[in-house]
Amino acid sequence: RKKNAPVLQKELTERLKELNFLTVDLEIKLEKTEAGVKGTDAVDFLISVNPGEDRKPIADVASGGELSRMMLAVKTVMAGREDTGTLIFDEIDSGISGITAWKVAGSLAGVSRHHQVICITHLPQIAAAADTHFLIEKSATADSTVSTIRPLSSDESIKELARMLGGDTITEATLANARELRSQII
């Protein structure tokens, strides 16, 4: 752990910058503890993402969107070191938009070259990066709720991206926007 902490710290810092953290001051802090099931080290991740602020435990300072991107960075770095066939990201888009969403989409696309990635998202930028789309729908009656999932064809995928972009009313403009969005990723 002591030997690899600086390597992991450097790689995580690089990944976080790629995920639109403009400034990152990350430290992996190791402290000796009594031997136990987790070894003889207590490990803490300290971070500052704002210039002039001291590093603090990630759990104390990171927003939901920042935590999602940090987890993506960790999974991206670790995916090359472990035999993980499938990575699952549930609403990785929490608290992000714009350029950050594009950067997350690009990172997910990169990870998907070596691993199966399952991603639940509400952002069209991220959805557009997928090779295969599934639509998850809920329906409710007075006494039960049922969720269904079904794969989308290429045309249905474009229509779903258009719906994500423009709401329930799909127009030629939103369809054109969805096609353009998809072509920018592919």
N, C-alpha and C. Protein backbone atom coordinates (compact mmCIF):
# COMPACT_ATOMS: atom_id res chain seq x y z
N ARG A 1 0.83 -1.20 0.00
CA ARG A 1 0.00 0.00 0.00
C ARG A 1 0.87 1.25 0.00
N LYS A 2 1.90 1.24 0.82
CA LYS A 2 2.78 2.41 0.92
C LYS A 2 3.48 2.68 -0.41
N LYS A 3 3.91 1.62 -1.08
CA LYS A 3 4.61 1.76 -2.36
C LYS A 3 3.66 2.22 -3.47
N ASN A 4 2.43 1.72 -3.47
CA ASN A 4 1.50 2.00 -4.57
C ASN A 4 0.64 3.23 -4.36
N ALA A 5 0.55 3.74 -3.14
CA ALA A 5 -0.29 4.92 -2.87
C ALA A 5 0.09 6.12 -3.74
N PRO A 6 1.38 6.46 -3.87
CA PRO A 6 1.72 7.61 -4.73
C PRO A 6 1.37 7.40 -6.20
N VAL A 7 1.48 6.16 -6.68
CA VAL A 7 1.13 5.85 -8.07
C VAL A 7 -0.37 6.03 -8.27
N LEU A 8 -1.16 5.45 -7.37
CA LEU A 8 -2.62 5.58 -7.44
C LEU A 8 -3.04 7.04 -7.31
N GLN A 9 -2.42 7.76 -6.40
CA GLN A 9 -2.71 9.19 -6.19
C GLN A 9 -2.49 9.98 -7.47
N LYS A 10 -1.38 9.72 -8.15
CA LYS A 10 -1.06 10.43 -9.40
C LYS A 10 -2.08 10.09 -10.50
N GLU A 11 -2.39 8.79 -10.65
CA GLU A 11 -3.32 8.38 -11.70
C GLU A 11 -4.73 8.90 -11.43
N LEU A 12 -5.17 8.88 -10.18
CA LEU A 12 -6.50 9.41 -9.85
C LEU A 12 -6.56 10.91 -10.11
N THR A 13 -5.50 11.62 -9.78
CA THR A 13 -5.47 13.07 -10.01
C THR A 13 -5.59 13.36 -11.51
N GLU A 14 -4.88 12.59 -12.34
CA GLU A 14 -4.97 12.77 -13.80
C GLU A 14 -6.38 12.50 -14.30
N ARG A 15 -6.99 11.40 -13.84
CA ARG A 15 -8.36 11.07 -14.26
C ARG A 15 -9.35 12.14 -13.82
N LEU A 16 -9.20 12.65 -12.61
CA LEU A 16 -10.13 13.68 -12.11
C LEU A 16 -10.03 14.95 -12.95
N LYS A 17 -8.83 15.31 -13.36
CA LYS A 17 -8.67 16.49 -14.23
C LYS A 17 -9.35 16.25 -15.58
N GLU A 18 -9.26 15.01 -16.09
CA GLU A 18 -9.94 14.67 -17.35
C GLU A 18 -11.46 14.74 -17.20
N LEU A 19 -11.96 14.60 -15.97
CA LEU A 19 -13.41 14.63 -15.71
C LEU A 19 -13.87 16.02 -15.26
N ASN A 20 -13.10 17.03 -15.62
CA ASN A 20 -13.46 18.43 -15.44
C ASN A 20 -13.34 18.96 -14.01
N PHE A 21 -12.47 18.35 -13.22
CA PHE A 21 -12.06 18.98 -11.96
C PHE A 21 -10.90 19.89 -12.36
N LEU A 22 -11.11 21.19 -12.31
CA LEU A 22 -10.10 22.12 -12.80
C LEU A 22 -8.84 22.11 -11.94
N THR A 23 -9.03 22.04 -10.63
CA THR A 23 -7.89 21.92 -9.73
C THR A 23 -8.15 20.75 -8.80
N VAL A 24 -7.15 19.92 -8.62
CA VAL A 24 -7.28 18.75 -7.75
C VAL A 24 -6.02 18.64 -6.92
N ASP A 25 -6.19 18.59 -5.61
CA ASP A 25 -5.09 18.33 -4.69
C ASP A 25 -5.51 17.11 -3.88
N LEU A 26 -5.04 15.94 -4.31
CA LEU A 26 -5.45 14.66 -3.73
C LEU A 26 -4.30 14.04 -2.95
N GLU A 27 -4.62 13.49 -1.80
CA GLU A 27 -3.63 12.77 -1.01
C GLU A 27 -4.25 11.47 -0.51
N ILE A 28 -3.52 10.38 -0.70
CA ILE A 28 -3.92 9.11 -0.10
C ILE A 28 -3.08 8.97 1.16
N LYS A 29 -3.77 9.07 2.29
CA LYS A 29 -3.09 9.08 3.59
C LYS A 29 -3.15 7.69 4.22
N LEU A 30 -1.99 7.18 4.59
CA LEU A 30 -1.89 5.87 5.22
C LEU A 30 -1.39 6.05 6.65
N GLU A 31 -2.06 5.40 7.57
CA GLU A 31 -1.61 5.42 8.97
C GLU A 31 -1.58 3.99 9.47
N LYS A 32 -0.53 3.65 10.20
CA LYS A 32 -0.42 2.32 10.79
C LYS A 32 -1.46 2.14 11.88
N THR A 33 -2.08 0.96 11.88
CA THR A 33 -3.06 0.61 12.91
C THR A 33 -2.73 -0.79 13.41
N GLU A 34 -3.46 -1.22 14.38
CA GLU A 34 -3.28 -2.59 14.85
C GLU A 34 -3.80 -3.55 13.78
N ALA A 35 -3.16 -4.70 13.68
CA ALA A 35 -3.54 -5.69 12.68
C ALA A 35 -5.01 -6.10 12.85
N GLY A 36 -5.70 -6.18 11.74
CA GLY A 36 -7.12 -6.56 11.73
C GLY A 36 -7.49 -7.13 10.39
N VAL A 37 -8.78 -7.31 10.15
CA VAL A 37 -9.23 -7.90 8.89
C VAL A 37 -8.91 -7.03 7.69
N LYS A 38 -8.70 -5.74 7.89
CA LYS A 38 -8.37 -4.84 6.79
C LYS A 38 -6.88 -4.55 6.69
N GLY A 39 -6.08 -5.31 7.42
CA GLY A 39 -4.63 -5.13 7.37
C GLY A 39 -4.13 -4.29 8.52
N THR A 40 -2.98 -3.63 8.29
CA THR A 40 -2.36 -2.82 9.34
C THR A 40 -2.32 -1.34 8.99
N ASP A 41 -3.08 -0.96 7.97
CA ASP A 41 -3.12 0.45 7.55
C ASP A 41 -4.54 0.98 7.56
N ALA A 42 -4.69 2.20 8.05
CA ALA A 42 -5.95 2.94 7.87
C ALA A 42 -5.70 3.84 6.66
N VAL A 43 -6.59 3.78 5.68
CA VAL A 43 -6.42 4.53 4.44
C VAL A 43 -7.51 5.59 4.36
N ASP A 44 -7.11 6.83 4.07
CA ASP A 44 -8.08 7.90 3.91
C ASP A 44 -7.72 8.67 2.64
N PHE A 45 -8.75 9.07 1.90
CA PHE A 45 -8.56 9.88 0.71
C PHE A 45 -8.92 11.32 1.07
N LEU A 46 -7.94 12.21 0.98
CA LEU A 46 -8.14 13.63 1.28
C LEU A 46 -8.07 14.40 -0.03
N ILE A 47 -8.93 15.41 -0.16
CA ILE A 47 -8.97 16.14 -1.43
C ILE A 47 -9.33 17.60 -1.21
N SER A 48 -8.80 18.43 -2.08
CA SER A 48 -9.25 19.81 -2.22
C SER A 48 -9.45 20.03 -3.71
N VAL A 49 -10.62 20.54 -4.07
CA VAL A 49 -10.89 20.82 -5.48
C VAL A 49 -11.01 22.32 -5.73
N ASN A 50 -10.73 23.11 -4.71
CA ASN A 50 -10.77 24.57 -4.83
C ASN A 50 -9.44 25.15 -4.36
N PRO A 51 -8.82 26.00 -5.18
CA PRO A 51 -7.53 26.59 -4.79
C PRO A 51 -7.63 27.29 -3.42
N GLY A 52 -6.61 27.10 -2.60
CA GLY A 52 -6.56 27.76 -1.30
C GLY A 52 -7.25 27.00 -0.17
N GLU A 53 -7.98 25.96 -0.50
CA GLU A 53 -8.64 25.17 0.54
C GLU A 53 -7.77 23.99 0.94
N ASP A 54 -7.79 23.67 2.22
CA ASP A 54 -7.04 22.52 2.71
C ASP A 54 -7.70 21.23 2.25
N ARG A 55 -6.89 20.18 2.15
CA ARG A 55 -7.44 18.86 1.84
C ARG A 55 -8.26 18.36 3.02
N LYS A 56 -9.39 17.75 2.70
CA LYS A 56 -10.28 17.17 3.71
C LYS A 56 -10.76 15.82 3.21
N PRO A 57 -11.28 14.97 4.10
CA PRO A 57 -11.81 13.68 3.64
C PRO A 57 -12.88 13.89 2.57
N ILE A 58 -12.81 13.06 1.53
CA ILE A 58 -13.73 13.17 0.39
C ILE A 58 -15.18 13.20 0.86
N ALA A 59 -15.52 12.34 1.80
CA ALA A 59 -16.90 12.25 2.27
C ALA A 59 -17.39 13.56 2.87
N ASP A 60 -16.47 14.38 3.38
CA ASP A 60 -16.86 15.64 4.02
C ASP A 60 -17.01 16.80 3.05
N VAL A 61 -16.43 16.71 1.85
CA VAL A 61 -16.41 17.89 0.98
C VAL A 61 -17.03 17.70 -0.40
N ALA A 62 -17.21 16.46 -0.83
CA ALA A 62 -17.65 16.23 -2.21
C ALA A 62 -19.16 16.25 -2.33
N SER A 63 -19.64 16.90 -3.39
CA SER A 63 -21.07 16.88 -3.72
C SER A 63 -21.41 15.54 -4.37
N GLY A 64 -22.69 15.31 -4.63
CA GLY A 64 -23.12 14.07 -5.28
C GLY A 64 -22.48 13.90 -6.65
N GLY A 65 -22.45 14.96 -7.45
CA GLY A 65 -21.84 14.90 -8.77
C GLY A 65 -20.34 14.66 -8.69
N GLU A 66 -19.70 15.32 -7.72
CA GLU A 66 -18.26 15.11 -7.55
C GLU A 66 -17.97 13.67 -7.11
N LEU A 67 -18.78 13.14 -6.21
CA LEU A 67 -18.59 11.75 -5.78
C LEU A 67 -18.75 10.78 -6.95
N SER A 68 -19.73 11.04 -7.81
CA SER A 68 -19.94 10.18 -8.98
C SER A 68 -18.72 10.20 -9.88
N ARG A 69 -18.19 11.38 -10.15
CA ARG A 69 -17.01 11.48 -11.01
C ARG A 69 -15.78 10.87 -10.34
N MET A 70 -15.67 11.02 -9.03
CA MET A 70 -14.54 10.41 -8.32
C MET A 70 -14.61 8.89 -8.41
N MET A 71 -15.82 8.34 -8.28
CA MET A 71 -15.97 6.89 -8.40
C MET A 71 -15.64 6.43 -9.81
N LEU A 72 -16.04 7.20 -10.81
CA LEU A 72 -15.69 6.87 -12.19
C LEU A 72 -14.17 6.86 -12.35
N ALA A 73 -13.49 7.85 -11.77
CA ALA A 73 -12.02 7.90 -11.84
C ALA A 73 -11.41 6.66 -11.19
N VAL A 74 -11.91 6.29 -10.01
CA VAL A 74 -11.39 5.12 -9.31
C VAL A 74 -11.62 3.86 -10.14
N LYS A 75 -12.85 3.70 -10.64
CA LYS A 75 -13.16 2.50 -11.43
C LYS A 75 -12.35 2.47 -12.72
N THR A 76 -12.11 3.62 -13.32
CA THR A 76 -11.32 3.68 -14.55
C THR A 76 -9.89 3.25 -14.29
N VAL A 77 -9.30 3.76 -13.22
CA VAL A 77 -7.93 3.41 -12.88
C VAL A 77 -7.84 1.93 -12.49
N MET A 78 -8.76 1.47 -11.69
CA MET A 78 -8.70 0.09 -11.18
C MET A 78 -9.10 -0.94 -12.23
N ALA A 79 -9.90 -0.56 -13.21
CA ALA A 79 -10.37 -1.51 -14.22
C ALA A 79 -9.21 -2.15 -14.96
N GLY A 80 -8.13 -1.43 -15.14
CA GLY A 80 -6.98 -1.99 -15.82
C GLY A 80 -6.14 -2.91 -14.95
N ARG A 81 -6.43 -2.94 -13.66
CA ARG A 81 -5.63 -3.73 -12.72
C ARG A 81 -6.36 -4.94 -12.15
N GLU A 82 -7.63 -5.02 -12.42
CA GLU A 82 -8.38 -6.13 -11.86
C GLU A 82 -9.21 -6.78 -12.95
N ASP A 83 -9.65 -7.97 -12.68
CA ASP A 83 -10.42 -8.71 -13.66
C ASP A 83 -11.91 -8.43 -13.47
N THR A 84 -12.29 -7.20 -13.83
CA THR A 84 -13.68 -6.79 -13.71
C THR A 84 -14.29 -6.79 -15.10
N GLY A 85 -15.23 -7.69 -15.34
CA GLY A 85 -15.83 -7.77 -16.66
C GLY A 85 -16.87 -6.70 -16.92
N THR A 86 -17.64 -6.36 -15.88
CA THR A 86 -18.74 -5.40 -16.04
C THR A 86 -18.65 -4.31 -14.97
N LEU A 87 -18.78 -3.07 -15.40
CA LEU A 87 -18.83 -1.93 -14.49
C LEU A 87 -20.22 -1.32 -14.58
N ILE A 88 -20.82 -1.04 -13.43
CA ILE A 88 -22.18 -0.49 -13.41
C ILE A 88 -22.13 0.91 -12.79
N PHE A 89 -22.71 1.86 -13.51
CA PHE A 89 -22.80 3.24 -13.04
C PHE A 89 -24.27 3.63 -12.98
N ASP A 90 -24.78 3.83 -11.80
CA ASP A 90 -26.19 4.18 -11.61
C ASP A 90 -26.29 5.69 -11.41
N GLU A 91 -26.82 6.37 -12.41
CA GLU A 91 -27.00 7.82 -12.39
C GLU A 91 -25.70 8.56 -12.12
N ILE A 92 -24.69 8.23 -12.91
CA ILE A 92 -23.39 8.89 -12.85
C ILE A 92 -23.53 10.38 -13.18
N ASP A 93 -24.68 10.75 -13.76
CA ASP A 93 -24.93 12.14 -14.18
C ASP A 93 -25.40 13.04 -13.04
N SER A 94 -25.49 12.51 -11.84
CA SER A 94 -25.99 13.30 -10.70
C SER A 94 -25.17 14.58 -10.52
N GLY A 95 -25.82 15.71 -10.65
CA GLY A 95 -25.18 17.00 -10.38
C GLY A 95 -24.24 17.51 -11.44
N ILE A 96 -24.30 16.95 -12.66
CA ILE A 96 -23.41 17.45 -13.72
C ILE A 96 -24.22 17.84 -14.95
N SER A 97 -23.59 18.61 -15.82
CA SER A 97 -24.22 19.00 -17.09
C SER A 97 -23.14 19.53 -18.01
N GLY A 98 -23.54 19.95 -19.19
CA GLY A 98 -22.64 20.63 -20.12
C GLY A 98 -21.35 19.89 -20.42
N ILE A 99 -20.24 20.63 -20.35
CA ILE A 99 -18.93 20.09 -20.71
C ILE A 99 -18.55 18.91 -19.82
N THR A 100 -18.96 18.96 -18.55
CA THR A 100 -18.64 17.86 -17.64
C THR A 100 -19.35 16.58 -18.10
N ALA A 101 -20.59 16.70 -18.55
CA ALA A 101 -21.32 15.54 -19.05
C ALA A 101 -20.60 14.94 -20.26
N TRP A 102 -20.08 15.80 -21.15
CA TRP A 102 -19.33 15.32 -22.31
C TRP A 102 -18.08 14.57 -21.87
N LYS A 103 -17.39 15.10 -20.87
CA LYS A 103 -16.16 14.47 -20.40
C LYS A 103 -16.47 13.12 -19.75
N VAL A 104 -17.54 13.05 -19.00
CA VAL A 104 -17.95 11.78 -18.39
C VAL A 104 -18.31 10.78 -19.48
N ALA A 105 -19.06 11.23 -20.49
CA ALA A 105 -19.44 10.35 -21.61
C ALA A 105 -18.20 9.81 -22.30
N GLY A 106 -17.23 10.66 -22.54
CA GLY A 106 -15.99 10.23 -23.18
C GLY A 106 -15.22 9.22 -22.33
N SER A 107 -15.20 9.46 -21.04
CA SER A 107 -14.52 8.53 -20.13
C SER A 107 -15.22 7.17 -20.11
N LEU A 108 -16.55 7.19 -20.04
CA LEU A 108 -17.31 5.94 -20.07
C LEU A 108 -17.07 5.18 -21.39
N ALA A 109 -17.05 5.92 -22.49
CA ALA A 109 -16.79 5.30 -23.79
C ALA A 109 -15.40 4.66 -23.81
N GLY A 110 -14.43 5.33 -23.21
CA GLY A 110 -13.08 4.77 -23.13
C GLY A 110 -13.03 3.49 -22.31
N VAL A 111 -13.69 3.50 -21.17
CA VAL A 111 -13.73 2.31 -20.31
C VAL A 111 -14.42 1.16 -21.04
N SER A 112 -15.44 1.49 -21.84
CA SER A 112 -16.22 0.44 -22.51
C SER A 112 -15.42 -0.29 -23.60
N ARG A 113 -14.26 0.22 -23.96
CA ARG A 113 -13.43 -0.48 -24.94
C ARG A 113 -12.83 -1.76 -24.36
N HIS A 114 -12.75 -1.82 -23.01
CA HIS A 114 -12.11 -2.96 -22.35
C HIS A 114 -13.04 -3.69 -21.38
N HIS A 115 -14.19 -3.11 -21.09
CA HIS A 115 -15.12 -3.69 -20.13
C HIS A 115 -16.55 -3.42 -20.59
N GLN A 116 -17.45 -4.29 -20.18
CA GLN A 116 -18.86 -4.00 -20.41
C GLN A 116 -19.25 -2.92 -19.41
N VAL A 117 -19.90 -1.87 -19.88
CA VAL A 117 -20.36 -0.78 -19.01
C VAL A 117 -21.88 -0.73 -19.09
N ILE A 118 -22.50 -0.77 -17.93
CA ILE A 118 -23.94 -0.56 -17.83
C ILE A 118 -24.11 0.77 -17.11
N CYS A 119 -24.82 1.68 -17.74
CA CYS A 119 -24.96 3.03 -17.18
C CYS A 119 -26.42 3.46 -17.22
N ILE A 120 -26.93 3.82 -16.07
CA ILE A 120 -28.28 4.40 -15.99
C ILE A 120 -28.09 5.91 -15.95
N THR A 121 -28.70 6.61 -16.91
CA THR A 121 -28.48 8.05 -17.01
C THR A 121 -29.75 8.76 -17.45
N HIS A 122 -29.80 10.05 -17.16
CA HIS A 122 -30.88 10.92 -17.61
C HIS A 122 -30.34 12.00 -18.55
N LEU A 123 -29.04 11.98 -18.82
CA LEU A 123 -28.44 13.00 -19.67
C LEU A 123 -28.23 12.46 -21.08
N PRO A 124 -28.71 13.19 -22.09
CA PRO A 124 -28.54 12.74 -23.46
C PRO A 124 -27.08 12.64 -23.89
N GLN A 125 -26.21 13.51 -23.36
CA GLN A 125 -24.79 13.44 -23.73
C GLN A 125 -24.20 12.08 -23.35
N ILE A 126 -24.58 11.58 -22.20
CA ILE A 126 -24.05 10.30 -21.73
C ILE A 126 -24.75 9.16 -22.46
N ALA A 127 -26.05 9.23 -22.60
CA ALA A 127 -26.79 8.17 -23.30
C ALA A 127 -26.31 8.03 -24.74
N ALA A 128 -25.96 9.13 -25.39
CA ALA A 128 -25.53 9.08 -26.79
C ALA A 128 -24.25 8.27 -26.97
N ALA A 129 -23.47 8.10 -25.92
CA ALA A 129 -22.21 7.37 -26.02
C ALA A 129 -22.40 5.86 -26.00
N ALA A 130 -23.61 5.39 -25.72
CA ALA A 130 -23.86 3.95 -25.59
C ALA A 130 -23.91 3.24 -26.94
N ASP A 131 -23.44 2.01 -26.96
CA ASP A 131 -23.57 1.16 -28.15
C ASP A 131 -24.98 0.60 -28.25
N THR A 132 -25.59 0.30 -27.10
CA THR A 132 -26.92 -0.29 -27.05
C THR A 132 -27.74 0.46 -26.01
N HIS A 133 -28.97 0.77 -26.38
CA HIS A 133 -29.87 1.46 -25.46
C HIS A 133 -31.00 0.55 -25.03
N PHE A 134 -31.37 0.69 -23.77
CA PHE A 134 -32.55 0.01 -23.22
C PHE A 134 -33.44 1.08 -22.61
N LEU A 135 -34.72 0.89 -22.73
CA LEU A 135 -35.68 1.81 -22.13
C LEU A 135 -36.29 1.12 -20.91
N ILE A 136 -36.23 1.80 -19.79
CA ILE A 136 -36.82 1.30 -18.56
C ILE A 136 -38.04 2.15 -18.27
N GLU A 137 -39.18 1.49 -18.11
CA GLU A 137 -40.43 2.20 -17.86
C GLU A 137 -41.12 1.61 -16.63
N LYS A 138 -41.77 2.48 -15.87
CA LYS A 138 -42.57 2.04 -14.72
C LYS A 138 -44.03 2.28 -15.04
N SER A 139 -44.87 1.35 -14.61
CA SER A 139 -46.31 1.57 -14.69
C SER A 139 -46.90 1.16 -13.35
N ALA A 140 -47.94 1.87 -12.97
CA ALA A 140 -48.54 1.62 -11.66
C ALA A 140 -50.04 1.45 -11.79
N THR A 141 -50.55 0.58 -10.95
CA THR A 141 -51.99 0.44 -10.79
C THR A 141 -52.28 0.78 -9.33
N ALA A 142 -53.51 0.62 -8.92
CA ALA A 142 -53.88 0.96 -7.54
C ALA A 142 -53.09 0.17 -6.52
N ASP A 143 -52.69 -1.07 -6.87
CA ASP A 143 -52.05 -1.91 -5.86
C ASP A 143 -50.67 -2.46 -6.24
N SER A 144 -50.10 -2.03 -7.37
CA SER A 144 -48.76 -2.53 -7.70
C SER A 144 -48.05 -1.60 -8.68
N THR A 145 -46.73 -1.74 -8.70
CA THR A 145 -45.89 -1.02 -9.65
C THR A 145 -45.04 -2.05 -10.37
N VAL A 146 -44.94 -1.91 -11.69
CA VAL A 146 -44.17 -2.84 -12.50
C VAL A 146 -43.17 -2.04 -13.32
N SER A 147 -41.93 -2.50 -13.31
CA SER A 147 -40.90 -1.91 -14.16
C SER A 147 -40.61 -2.87 -15.30
N THR A 148 -40.46 -2.31 -16.49
CA THR A 148 -40.12 -3.14 -17.66
C THR A 148 -38.87 -2.56 -18.30
N ILE A 149 -38.14 -3.42 -18.97
CA ILE A 149 -36.96 -2.98 -19.70
C ILE A 149 -36.98 -3.65 -21.06
N ARG A 150 -36.64 -2.85 -22.10
CA ARG A 150 -36.61 -3.43 -23.44
C ARG A 150 -35.52 -2.74 -24.25
N PRO A 151 -34.87 -3.50 -25.13
CA PRO A 151 -33.84 -2.90 -25.99
C PRO A 151 -34.49 -1.99 -27.04
N LEU A 152 -33.77 -0.96 -27.43
CA LEU A 152 -34.26 -0.03 -28.45
C LEU A 152 -33.51 -0.26 -29.76
N SER A 153 -34.25 -0.17 -30.86
CA SER A 153 -33.62 -0.22 -32.19
C SER A 153 -32.86 1.10 -32.38
N SER A 154 -32.11 1.18 -33.45
CA SER A 154 -31.35 2.41 -33.75
C SER A 154 -32.28 3.61 -33.88
N ASP A 155 -33.41 3.45 -34.60
CA ASP A 155 -34.37 4.54 -34.77
C ASP A 155 -35.02 4.92 -33.43
N GLU A 156 -35.38 3.90 -32.65
CA GLU A 156 -35.98 4.17 -31.34
C GLU A 156 -34.99 4.88 -30.42
N SER A 157 -33.74 4.52 -30.55
CA SER A 157 -32.69 5.15 -29.75
C SER A 157 -32.60 6.65 -30.06
N ILE A 158 -32.63 7.00 -31.33
CA ILE A 158 -32.60 8.41 -31.73
C ILE A 158 -33.84 9.14 -31.18
N LYS A 159 -35.00 8.49 -31.26
CA LYS A 159 -36.23 9.11 -30.74
C LYS A 159 -36.14 9.31 -29.22
N GLU A 160 -35.56 8.36 -28.52
CA GLU A 160 -35.41 8.50 -27.06
C GLU A 160 -34.43 9.61 -26.72
N LEU A 161 -33.34 9.71 -27.46
CA LEU A 161 -32.41 10.83 -27.26
C LEU A 161 -33.12 12.16 -27.52
N ALA A 162 -33.95 12.21 -28.57
CA ALA A 162 -34.72 13.42 -28.87
C ALA A 162 -35.67 13.76 -27.74
N ARG A 163 -36.31 12.74 -27.16
CA ARG A 163 -37.20 12.98 -26.02
C ARG A 163 -36.41 13.51 -24.82
N MET A 164 -35.22 12.97 -24.61
CA MET A 164 -34.39 13.45 -23.50
C MET A 164 -33.97 14.90 -23.72
N LEU A 165 -33.77 15.26 -24.98
CA LEU A 165 -33.35 16.63 -25.31
C LEU A 165 -34.50 17.62 -25.25
N GLY A 166 -35.70 17.20 -25.70
CA GLY A 166 -36.76 18.18 -25.88
C GLY A 166 -38.06 17.93 -25.16
N GLY A 167 -38.15 16.86 -24.40
CA GLY A 167 -39.40 16.59 -23.70
C GLY A 167 -40.31 15.68 -24.48
N ASP A 168 -41.58 15.67 -24.12
CA ASP A 168 -42.53 14.73 -24.72
C ASP A 168 -42.83 15.00 -26.19
N THR A 169 -42.70 16.25 -26.63
CA THR A 169 -42.99 16.59 -28.02
C THR A 169 -41.70 16.47 -28.83
N ILE A 170 -41.69 15.48 -29.71
CA ILE A 170 -40.51 15.26 -30.55
C ILE A 170 -40.74 15.96 -31.88
N THR A 171 -39.82 16.85 -32.21
CA THR A 171 -39.91 17.62 -33.46
C THR A 171 -38.76 17.22 -34.38
N GLU A 172 -38.82 17.71 -35.60
CA GLU A 172 -37.70 17.46 -36.54
C GLU A 172 -36.42 18.07 -35.98
N ALA A 173 -36.52 19.19 -35.30
CA ALA A 173 -35.33 19.83 -34.73
C ALA A 173 -34.70 18.97 -33.63
N THR A 174 -35.53 18.41 -32.74
CA THR A 174 -34.97 17.57 -31.68
C THR A 174 -34.42 16.26 -32.25
N LEU A 175 -35.06 15.71 -33.29
CA LEU A 175 -34.53 14.51 -33.94
C LEU A 175 -33.18 14.80 -34.59
N ALA A 176 -33.09 15.95 -35.27
CA ALA A 176 -31.81 16.34 -35.90
C ALA A 176 -30.74 16.54 -34.83
N ASN A 177 -31.13 17.14 -33.72
CA ASN A 177 -30.19 17.36 -32.62
C ASN A 177 -29.72 16.02 -32.05
N ALA A 178 -30.64 15.07 -31.91
CA ALA A 178 -30.29 13.74 -31.39
C ALA A 178 -29.33 13.02 -32.33
N ARG A 179 -29.59 13.11 -33.63
CA ARG A 179 -28.69 12.48 -34.61
C ARG A 179 -27.30 13.10 -34.55
N GLU A 180 -27.26 14.43 -34.43
CA GLU A 180 -25.97 15.12 -34.35
C GLU A 180 -25.23 14.72 -33.08
N LEU A 181 -25.95 14.67 -31.98
CA LEU A 181 -25.36 14.28 -30.70
C LEU A 181 -24.74 12.89 -30.82
N ARG A 182 -25.48 11.98 -31.40
CA ARG A 182 -25.01 10.60 -31.57
C ARG A 182 -23.79 10.54 -32.48
N SER A 183 -23.79 11.34 -33.55
CA SER A 183 -22.65 11.31 -34.49
C SER A 183 -21.39 11.90 -33.88
N GLN A 184 -21.53 12.80 -32.90
CA GLN A 184 -20.35 13.39 -32.26
C GLN A 184 -19.63 12.38 -31.38
N ILE A 185 -20.36 11.43 -30.87
CA ILE A 185 -19.77 10.43 -29.97
C ILE A 185 -19.17 9.28 -30.77
N ILE A 186 -19.89 8.84 -31.80
CA ILE A 186 -19.48 7.63 -32.53
C ILE A 186 -18.22 7.86 -33.35
